[in-house]
Protein backbone atom coordinates (compact mmCIF):
# COMPACT_ATOMS: atom_id res chain seq x y z
CA UNK A 1 32.87 157.52 124.72
CA UNK A 2 32.67 153.65 125.54
CA UNK A 3 30.48 152.16 123.68
CA UNK A 4 28.03 149.87 125.84
CA UNK A 5 27.88 146.92 123.07
CA UNK A 6 28.97 145.31 120.06
CA UNK A 7 26.29 147.13 118.08
CA UNK A 8 27.38 150.39 119.63
CA UNK A 9 30.64 149.93 118.24
CA UNK A 10 29.99 148.64 115.17
CA UNK A 11 27.12 151.59 114.24
CA UNK A 12 29.95 154.38 115.80
CA UNK A 13 32.61 153.42 113.55
CA UNK A 14 31.14 150.92 110.68
CA UNK A 15 31.19 153.81 108.05
CA UNK A 16 34.82 154.96 108.91
CA UNK A 17 36.30 151.09 109.07
CA UNK A 18 34.49 150.72 105.74
CA UNK A 19 35.68 153.51 103.81
CA UNK A 20 39.41 152.94 105.26
CA UNK A 21 39.04 149.06 104.03
CA UNK A 22 37.60 150.44 100.70
CA UNK A 23 40.37 152.55 100.13
CA UNK A 24 43.00 149.99 100.76
CA UNK A 25 41.51 147.07 98.78
CA UNK A 26 39.33 149.13 96.20
CA UNK A 27 37.11 146.26 95.95
CA UNK A 28 33.60 146.92 97.76
CA UNK A 29 32.70 143.13 98.31
CA UNK A 30 36.52 142.67 99.94
CA UNK A 31 35.88 145.74 101.91
CA UNK A 32 32.48 144.45 103.43
CA UNK A 33 33.91 141.06 103.93
CA UNK A 34 36.97 142.89 105.65
CA UNK A 35 34.78 145.33 107.88
CA UNK A 36 32.84 142.16 109.14
CA UNK A 37 36.23 140.21 110.14
CA UNK A 38 37.42 143.46 111.89
CA UNK A 39 34.35 143.37 113.90
CA UNK A 40 34.59 139.84 114.78
CA UNK A 41 37.75 140.43 115.95
CA UNK A 42 36.91 143.18 118.11
CA UNK A 43 34.29 141.39 119.55
CA UNK A 44 36.84 138.64 120.37
CA UNK A 45 39.08 140.91 122.41
CA UNK A 46 37.35 144.38 123.09
CA UNK A 47 37.65 143.93 126.84
CA UNK A 48 41.34 144.28 126.38
CA UNK A 49 41.16 147.81 124.33
CA UNK A 50 41.18 151.18 126.71
CA UNK A 51 38.21 153.49 126.31
CA UNK A 52 39.87 156.32 124.97
CA UNK A 53 41.93 153.89 122.41
CA UNK A 54 38.80 152.26 120.71
CA UNK A 55 39.06 154.28 117.16
CA UNK A 56 42.82 154.23 116.70
CA UNK A 57 42.48 150.28 117.82
CA UNK A 58 39.76 149.12 115.58
CA UNK A 59 41.83 151.01 112.60
CA UNK A 60 44.59 149.25 113.33
CA UNK A 61 42.31 145.60 113.58
CA UNK A 62 41.28 146.56 109.94
CA UNK A 63 44.89 147.26 108.88
CA UNK A 64 45.74 143.75 110.07
CA UNK A 65 42.85 142.04 108.77
CA UNK A 66 43.94 143.24 105.37
CA UNK A 67 47.54 142.49 105.73
CA UNK A 68 46.23 138.98 106.66
CA UNK A 69 44.02 139.36 103.61
CA UNK A 70 46.83 140.13 101.29
CA UNK A 71 49.05 137.68 102.45
CA UNK A 72 46.33 135.16 101.36
CA UNK A 73 45.34 136.90 98.09
CA UNK A 74 49.12 136.56 97.14
CA UNK A 75 49.08 132.95 97.53
CA UNK A 76 46.20 132.68 94.64
CA UNK A 77 46.49 134.07 91.01
CA UNK A 78 42.42 134.57 90.28
CA UNK A 79 41.79 138.31 89.83
CA UNK A 80 38.35 139.45 88.03
CA UNK A 81 38.18 141.68 85.44
CA UNK A 82 36.60 145.15 86.25
CA UNK A 83 34.57 145.13 83.56
CA UNK A 84 31.58 146.37 85.17
CA UNK A 85 33.09 149.00 87.26
CA UNK A 86 34.21 150.70 83.58
CA UNK A 87 30.76 150.87 81.70
CA UNK A 88 29.34 154.29 81.80
CA UNK A 89 26.01 154.96 83.44
CA UNK A 90 23.68 156.00 80.39
CA UNK A 91 22.26 158.66 82.50
CA UNK A 92 25.74 160.49 83.44
CA UNK A 93 25.99 164.12 82.69
CA UNK A 94 29.22 165.77 81.83
CA UNK A 95 30.00 167.44 85.12
CA UNK A 96 29.45 164.04 87.05
CA UNK A 97 31.94 162.63 84.39
CA UNK A 98 34.36 165.10 84.89
CA UNK A 99 34.00 164.82 88.55
CA UNK A 100 34.47 161.15 88.35
CA UNK A 101 37.08 161.41 86.07
CA UNK A 102 39.00 163.62 88.34
CA UNK A 103 38.15 161.58 91.50
CA UNK A 104 39.80 158.77 89.40
CA UNK A 105 43.26 160.54 88.99
CA UNK A 106 43.21 161.47 92.33
CA UNK A 107 42.46 157.68 93.30
CA UNK A 108 45.47 156.72 90.72
CA UNK A 109 47.63 159.08 92.35
CA UNK A 110 47.14 157.91 95.88
CA UNK A 111 47.11 154.24 94.51
CA UNK A 112 50.78 155.03 92.75
CA UNK A 113 52.40 155.96 96.28
CA UNK A 114 54.48 153.00 97.87
CA UNK A 115 52.23 151.34 100.48
CA UNK A 116 53.63 153.20 103.85
CA UNK A 117 53.05 156.72 102.02
CA UNK A 118 49.77 155.74 100.84
CA UNK A 119 48.62 154.35 104.15
CA UNK A 120 50.11 157.19 106.12
CA UNK A 121 48.19 159.33 104.12
CA UNK A 122 44.89 157.75 104.25
CA UNK A 123 44.71 157.50 107.76
CA UNK A 124 45.62 161.15 108.51
CA UNK A 125 44.10 162.94 105.95
CA UNK A 126 41.22 160.96 104.42
CA UNK A 127 40.01 159.16 108.53
CA UNK A 128 41.28 162.02 110.35
CA UNK A 129 43.57 160.24 112.56
CA UNK A 130 46.01 161.96 114.73
CA UNK A 131 49.95 161.65 114.16
CA UNK A 132 50.21 159.75 116.92
CA UNK A 133 47.31 157.14 116.49
CA UNK A 134 48.11 156.96 112.65
CA UNK A 135 51.77 155.59 113.80
CA UNK A 136 50.62 153.55 116.49
CA UNK A 137 48.12 152.16 113.86
CA UNK A 138 50.88 151.52 111.37
CA UNK A 139 53.24 150.08 114.21
CA UNK A 140 56.01 152.81 113.33
CA UNK A 141 57.52 155.69 115.21
CA UNK A 142 55.96 159.30 115.28
CA UNK A 143 58.82 160.67 113.22
CA UNK A 144 58.95 158.38 110.58
CA UNK A 145 55.33 158.28 110.59
CA UNK A 146 55.43 162.55 109.82
CA UNK A 147 58.34 161.57 107.02
CA UNK A 148 55.85 158.89 105.24
CA UNK A 149 53.00 161.61 105.05
CA UNK A 150 55.36 164.53 104.07
CA UNK A 151 56.46 162.01 101.33
CA UNK A 152 53.30 161.25 100.43
CA UNK A 153 52.15 164.72 99.95
CA UNK A 154 55.27 165.85 98.29
CA UNK A 155 54.71 163.16 95.79
CA UNK A 156 50.87 164.02 95.24
CA UNK A 157 52.10 167.75 94.52
CA UNK A 158 54.45 166.63 92.03
CA UNK A 159 52.24 164.39 90.17
CA UNK A 160 49.56 166.99 90.02
CA UNK A 161 52.17 169.69 88.66
CA UNK A 162 52.87 166.92 85.77
CA UNK A 163 49.28 166.53 84.96
CA UNK A 164 48.81 170.58 84.92
CA UNK A 165 51.72 170.83 82.62
CA UNK A 166 50.31 168.09 80.28
CA UNK A 167 46.72 169.50 79.97
């Protein structure tokens, strides 16, 4: 499906791109900024993209925007404390808290993975990319991508086993 305009492209992929960027940077506002940067770059270079590669191409553009952001961020030292994110909502139930805690544990496990493994896992398991598409987005060979994904899953299983033993 080739979108007829940038608006069609945006409507079709905005949620996927946002979730991918949010999973990379863990900050809603940064993810929104990077998403806008992604679609701005897409607007500039959309005519160079083949119809059958739009989604993987957009993920590659988003990844490159994220890498550029990280490079710029590494030059500055300003960090914000996540104070408001850690405040509990007064209406939370025990079940909601337990689910949130489990999701946070999973996010921490994914965050603790080496960068390449984390990206491999996010692209395939969370964003539904094919092995080939994800390997192209990461600019690695298919066999190297499969190794990264295997190792990421292996580390997550090991972390889960350790956590289970301590509970």
